[in-house]
Amino acid sequence: MFKKGEVSYKPLPLPDRVQLPDAEALKAVEAFRDYMRKRHSVRDYSDRPVPKEIITACIEAAATAPSGANHQPWHFVAIANPEMKARIREAAEEEERDFYAGGAGDEWLAALEPIGTGVSKPHLTTAPWLIVVFAQRYGLTGDQERYKNYYVPESVGIATGMLITAIHHAGLVCLEHTPNPMKFLPALCGRPAHEKGVMIIPVGWPAEEATVPAVAKMKKPLEEVMSVFE
């Protein structure tokens, strides 16, 4: 983390060791793989409340992510306030109307058809929580001096992936919602101009009648996503 005048290298002995023997490691990662296969992006939410402590712990897990120069160029805004959620939904649907009216282009809209998405985004108000992920284009010291952040998209992407994994680990569901552009988000969430909203994540319990697109279960075979050189 950047701190003016206090940046120096100081090696520490590895604080934590969680390594396992090979057989146990394989068993553990196979169990984790199988559990992650049960993760689904969900659009149908119950209005059952989720304690703030669970959301906080998920964000704390995400904030442990590695980042370029350890600058941690992210901020997470957790929103349960119904009025704020309604304003976000209204603004997001306004952008979605332009998107689906032709702004996206025929190829993109055709790619989305099997997913079953549309202009209406009830999940933005039904889900008990929204987590808005912000990326910091640059950082500011305590005296408001600007400094450069590094690998911002990559760093925020890793942290967001860890957030989604933590949400699943808590037994909750979420959705990766990315209206574009999102210029309304910093002002709405009280964030500074140098932060960019990159994702809105509804979080909660799935509704009893929740569904997912059949195509979402169609994953590429391993040989298409992995190469090995021994």
Protein backbone atom coordinates (compact mmCIF):
# COMPACT_ATOMS: atom_id res chain seq x y z
CA MET A 1 0.00 0.00 0.00
CA PHE A 2 1.42 3.39 -0.98
CA LYS A 3 2.29 5.64 1.96
CA LYS A 4 4.33 8.73 1.18
CA GLY A 5 7.74 8.76 2.84
CA GLU A 6 7.30 5.32 4.42
CA VAL A 7 7.92 2.98 1.52
CA SER A 8 10.66 0.44 2.15
CA TYR A 9 11.30 -3.25 1.71
CA LYS A 10 11.23 -5.37 4.84
CA PRO A 11 11.14 -9.16 4.43
CA LEU A 12 9.03 -11.18 6.84
CA PRO A 13 9.20 -14.92 7.43
CA LEU A 14 6.23 -16.54 5.70
CA PRO A 15 3.47 -15.81 8.26
CA ASP A 16 1.15 -18.69 7.42
CA ARG A 17 1.72 -22.16 6.04
CA VAL A 18 -1.31 -24.08 4.86
CA GLN A 19 0.46 -26.58 2.59
CA LEU A 20 -0.67 -30.20 2.58
CA PRO A 21 0.88 -33.51 1.52
CA ASP A 22 0.22 -34.22 -2.15
CA ALA A 23 -2.57 -36.72 -1.57
CA GLU A 24 -4.40 -34.41 0.84
CA ALA A 25 -3.85 -31.43 -1.46
CA LEU A 26 -5.42 -33.28 -4.38
CA LYS A 27 -8.38 -34.35 -2.27
CA ALA A 28 -8.89 -30.81 -0.97
CA VAL A 29 -8.70 -29.11 -4.36
CA GLU A 30 -10.98 -31.68 -5.99
CA ALA A 31 -13.55 -31.04 -3.27
CA PHE A 32 -13.19 -27.29 -3.82
CA ARG A 33 -13.53 -27.75 -7.59
CA ASP A 34 -16.72 -29.76 -7.13
CA TYR A 35 -18.11 -27.16 -4.74
CA MET A 36 -17.36 -24.32 -7.16
CA ARG A 37 -19.22 -26.21 -9.87
CA LYS A 38 -22.31 -25.60 -7.74
CA ARG A 39 -21.88 -21.82 -8.04
CA HIS A 40 -24.50 -20.17 -10.26
CA SER A 41 -25.18 -16.62 -11.35
CA VAL A 42 -28.74 -16.03 -10.18
CA ARG A 43 -31.31 -13.38 -11.15
CA ASP A 44 -34.19 -14.54 -8.92
CA TYR A 45 -33.80 -13.55 -5.27
CA SER A 46 -35.66 -14.12 -2.05
CA ASP A 47 -36.29 -11.02 0.05
CA ARG A 48 -34.95 -12.90 3.07
CA PRO A 49 -32.48 -10.58 4.88
CA VAL A 50 -28.76 -11.26 4.94
CA PRO A 51 -26.86 -10.09 8.05
CA LYS A 52 -24.41 -7.28 7.38
CA GLU A 53 -21.70 -9.31 9.13
CA ILE A 54 -21.80 -11.91 6.34
CA ILE A 55 -21.43 -9.27 3.63
CA THR A 56 -18.60 -7.64 5.59
CA ALA A 57 -16.73 -10.93 5.90
CA CYS A 58 -17.09 -11.55 2.14
CA ILE A 59 -15.63 -8.13 1.36
CA GLU A 60 -12.85 -8.66 3.89
CA ALA A 61 -11.95 -11.87 2.06
CA ALA A 62 -11.92 -10.03 -1.28
CA ALA A 63 -9.68 -7.32 0.15
CA THR A 64 -6.94 -9.90 0.82
CA ALA A 65 -6.41 -10.24 -2.95
CA PRO A 66 -2.97 -9.58 -4.45
CA SER A 67 -2.57 -6.33 -6.39
CA GLY A 68 -0.04 -4.40 -8.42
CA ALA A 69 2.58 -2.94 -6.03
CA ASN A 70 0.12 -3.85 -3.24
CA HIS A 71 -1.78 -0.61 -3.90
CA GLN A 72 -5.13 -2.39 -3.53
CA PRO A 73 -6.89 -0.17 -6.11
CA TRP A 74 -10.44 -1.11 -5.18
CA HIS A 75 -13.36 -0.03 -3.06
CA PHE A 76 -16.53 -1.98 -2.30
CA VAL A 77 -19.79 -0.20 -1.51
CA ALA A 78 -22.37 -2.46 0.21
CA ILE A 79 -25.92 -1.18 -0.15
CA ALA A 80 -29.04 -2.42 1.64
CA ASN A 81 -30.84 0.94 1.57
CA PRO A 82 -34.03 0.46 -0.53
CA GLU A 83 -34.00 4.00 -1.92
CA MET A 84 -30.40 3.69 -3.13
CA LYS A 85 -31.10 0.30 -4.69
CA ALA A 86 -34.13 1.76 -6.47
CA ARG A 87 -32.05 4.63 -7.86
CA ILE A 88 -29.39 2.22 -9.09
CA ARG A 89 -32.02 0.05 -10.74
CA GLU A 90 -33.63 3.06 -12.42
CA ALA A 91 -30.31 4.32 -13.76
CA ALA A 92 -29.17 0.86 -14.84
CA GLU A 93 -32.42 0.14 -16.68
CA GLU A 94 -32.18 3.48 -18.48
CA GLU A 95 -28.80 2.45 -19.85
CA GLU A 96 -30.07 -1.03 -20.64
CA ARG A 97 -32.90 0.41 -22.75
CA ASP A 98 -30.32 2.05 -25.01
CA PHE A 99 -28.26 -1.14 -25.03
CA TYR A 100 -31.10 -3.41 -26.10
CA ALA A 101 -32.50 -0.82 -28.52
CA GLY A 102 -29.48 -1.32 -30.75
CA GLY A 103 -26.54 0.18 -28.93
CA ALA A 104 -25.06 -3.25 -28.33
CA GLY A 105 -25.09 -4.38 -31.96
CA ASP A 106 -26.69 -7.48 -33.44
CA GLU A 107 -23.83 -9.87 -32.65
CA TRP A 108 -23.75 -9.00 -28.94
CA LEU A 109 -27.52 -9.21 -28.60
CA ALA A 110 -27.53 -12.59 -30.34
CA ALA A 111 -24.86 -13.83 -27.93
CA LEU A 112 -27.02 -12.75 -24.98
CA GLU A 113 -30.23 -14.36 -26.22
CA PRO A 114 -29.54 -17.80 -24.66
CA ILE A 115 -28.88 -16.07 -21.33
CA GLY A 116 -32.38 -14.59 -21.30
CA THR A 117 -31.40 -11.09 -20.20
CA GLY A 118 -33.42 -7.94 -20.91
CA VAL A 119 -34.04 -4.37 -19.86
CA SER A 120 -35.86 -5.16 -16.61
CA LYS A 121 -33.52 -5.70 -13.64
CA PRO A 122 -35.73 -6.59 -10.64
CA HIS A 123 -32.80 -8.30 -8.94
CA LEU A 124 -31.30 -4.87 -8.26
CA THR A 125 -34.09 -4.10 -5.84
CA THR A 126 -35.17 -7.58 -4.70
CA ALA A 127 -31.73 -8.78 -3.58
CA PRO A 128 -31.15 -7.67 0.03
CA TRP A 129 -27.69 -6.32 -0.81
CA LEU A 130 -25.90 -4.74 -3.74
CA ILE A 131 -22.13 -4.63 -3.70
CA VAL A 132 -20.76 -2.04 -6.11
CA VAL A 133 -17.13 -2.66 -7.07
CA PHE A 134 -15.03 0.41 -7.81
CA ALA A 135 -11.62 0.56 -9.48
CA GLN A 136 -9.31 3.39 -8.49
CA ARG A 137 -7.66 4.88 -11.58
CA TYR A 138 -5.02 6.42 -9.33
CA GLY A 139 -4.47 6.76 -5.60
CA LEU A 140 -4.26 9.75 -3.29
CA THR A 141 -1.96 10.21 -0.32
CA GLY A 142 -3.23 11.66 2.94
CA ASP A 143 -2.34 15.14 1.69
CA GLN A 144 -4.17 14.48 -1.60
CA GLU A 145 -1.07 14.00 -3.73
CA ARG A 146 -1.79 11.72 -6.67
CA TYR A 147 0.18 8.52 -7.22
CA LYS A 148 -0.02 5.86 -9.93
CA ASN A 149 -1.77 2.53 -9.46
CA TYR A 150 -0.55 -0.48 -11.41
CA TYR A 151 -2.40 -3.33 -13.12
CA VAL A 152 -5.71 -1.90 -11.98
CA PRO A 153 -8.07 -4.04 -14.14
CA GLU A 154 -6.16 -7.19 -13.28
CA SER A 155 -6.02 -6.41 -9.56
CA VAL A 156 -9.69 -5.48 -9.30
CA GLY A 157 -10.62 -8.54 -11.37
CA ILE A 158 -8.79 -10.85 -8.96
CA ALA A 159 -10.44 -9.20 -5.94
CA THR A 160 -13.87 -9.44 -7.57
CA GLY A 161 -13.35 -13.13 -8.28
CA MET A 162 -12.42 -13.69 -4.67
CA LEU A 163 -15.53 -11.77 -3.58
CA ILE A 164 -17.76 -13.97 -5.75
CA THR A 165 -16.07 -17.07 -4.33
CA ALA A 166 -16.57 -15.83 -0.76
CA ILE A 167 -20.25 -15.16 -1.46
CA HIS A 168 -20.65 -18.73 -2.71
CA HIS A 169 -18.73 -20.04 0.30
CA ALA A 170 -21.27 -18.28 2.54
CA GLY A 171 -24.07 -20.19 0.81
CA LEU A 172 -25.38 -17.08 -0.93
CA VAL A 173 -25.86 -16.35 -4.62
CA CYS A 174 -24.97 -13.33 -6.70
CA LEU A 175 -24.98 -11.92 -10.22
CA GLU A 176 -22.24 -10.10 -12.10
CA HIS A 177 -24.10 -7.07 -13.46
CA THR A 178 -22.13 -4.70 -15.69
CA PRO A 179 -24.19 -1.87 -17.16
CA ASN A 180 -22.05 0.23 -19.46
CA PRO A 181 -21.30 3.06 -18.99
CA MET A 182 -21.65 3.45 -15.24
CA LYS A 183 -20.96 7.15 -14.88
CA PHE A 184 -23.82 7.54 -12.39
CA LEU A 185 -22.28 5.23 -9.79
CA PRO A 186 -19.53 7.35 -8.12
CA ALA A 187 -21.86 10.24 -7.32
CA LEU A 188 -24.65 7.92 -6.24
CA CYS A 189 -22.35 5.98 -3.92
CA GLY A 190 -20.43 8.96 -2.59
CA ARG A 191 -17.16 7.96 -4.21
CA PRO A 192 -14.51 10.28 -5.66
CA ALA A 193 -14.20 11.06 -9.37
CA HIS A 194 -11.02 8.99 -9.79
CA GLU A 195 -12.93 5.79 -8.99
CA LYS A 196 -14.81 3.94 -11.72
CA GLY A 197 -17.71 1.60 -11.05
CA VAL A 198 -16.96 -1.69 -12.79
CA MET A 199 -19.60 -4.08 -11.44
CA ILE A 200 -22.84 -4.20 -9.48
CA ILE A 201 -23.26 -7.48 -7.62
CA PRO A 202 -26.69 -8.32 -6.18
CA VAL A 203 -26.24 -10.70 -3.23
CA GLY A 204 -28.75 -12.77 -1.33
CA TRP A 205 -30.59 -16.06 -1.05
CA PRO A 206 -32.06 -17.62 -4.19
CA ALA A 207 -35.82 -17.47 -4.60
CA GLU A 208 -37.70 -20.76 -4.35
CA GLU A 209 -38.55 -20.46 -8.06
CA ALA A 210 -35.02 -19.40 -9.09
CA THR A 211 -33.80 -20.59 -12.48
CA VAL A 212 -30.58 -20.36 -14.47
CA PRO A 213 -30.13 -20.47 -18.26
CA ALA A 214 -29.50 -23.99 -19.49
CA VAL A 215 -26.59 -22.66 -21.54
CA ALA A 216 -24.86 -21.57 -18.32
CA LYS A 217 -24.15 -25.22 -17.53
CA MET A 218 -22.34 -25.70 -20.84
CA LYS A 219 -18.68 -25.30 -19.91
CA LYS A 220 -15.75 -25.76 -22.27
CA PRO A 221 -14.00 -29.14 -21.89
CA LEU A 222 -10.69 -29.15 -20.05
CA GLU A 223 -8.65 -29.67 -23.21
CA GLU A 224 -9.92 -26.35 -24.54
CA VAL A 225 -8.97 -24.33 -21.47
CA MET A 226 -5.74 -26.03 -20.36
CA SER A 227 -2.39 -26.76 -21.95
CA VAL A 228 0.35 -28.70 -20.19
CA PHE A 229 4.08 -28.88 -20.96
CA GLU A 230 6.03 -31.39 -18.86
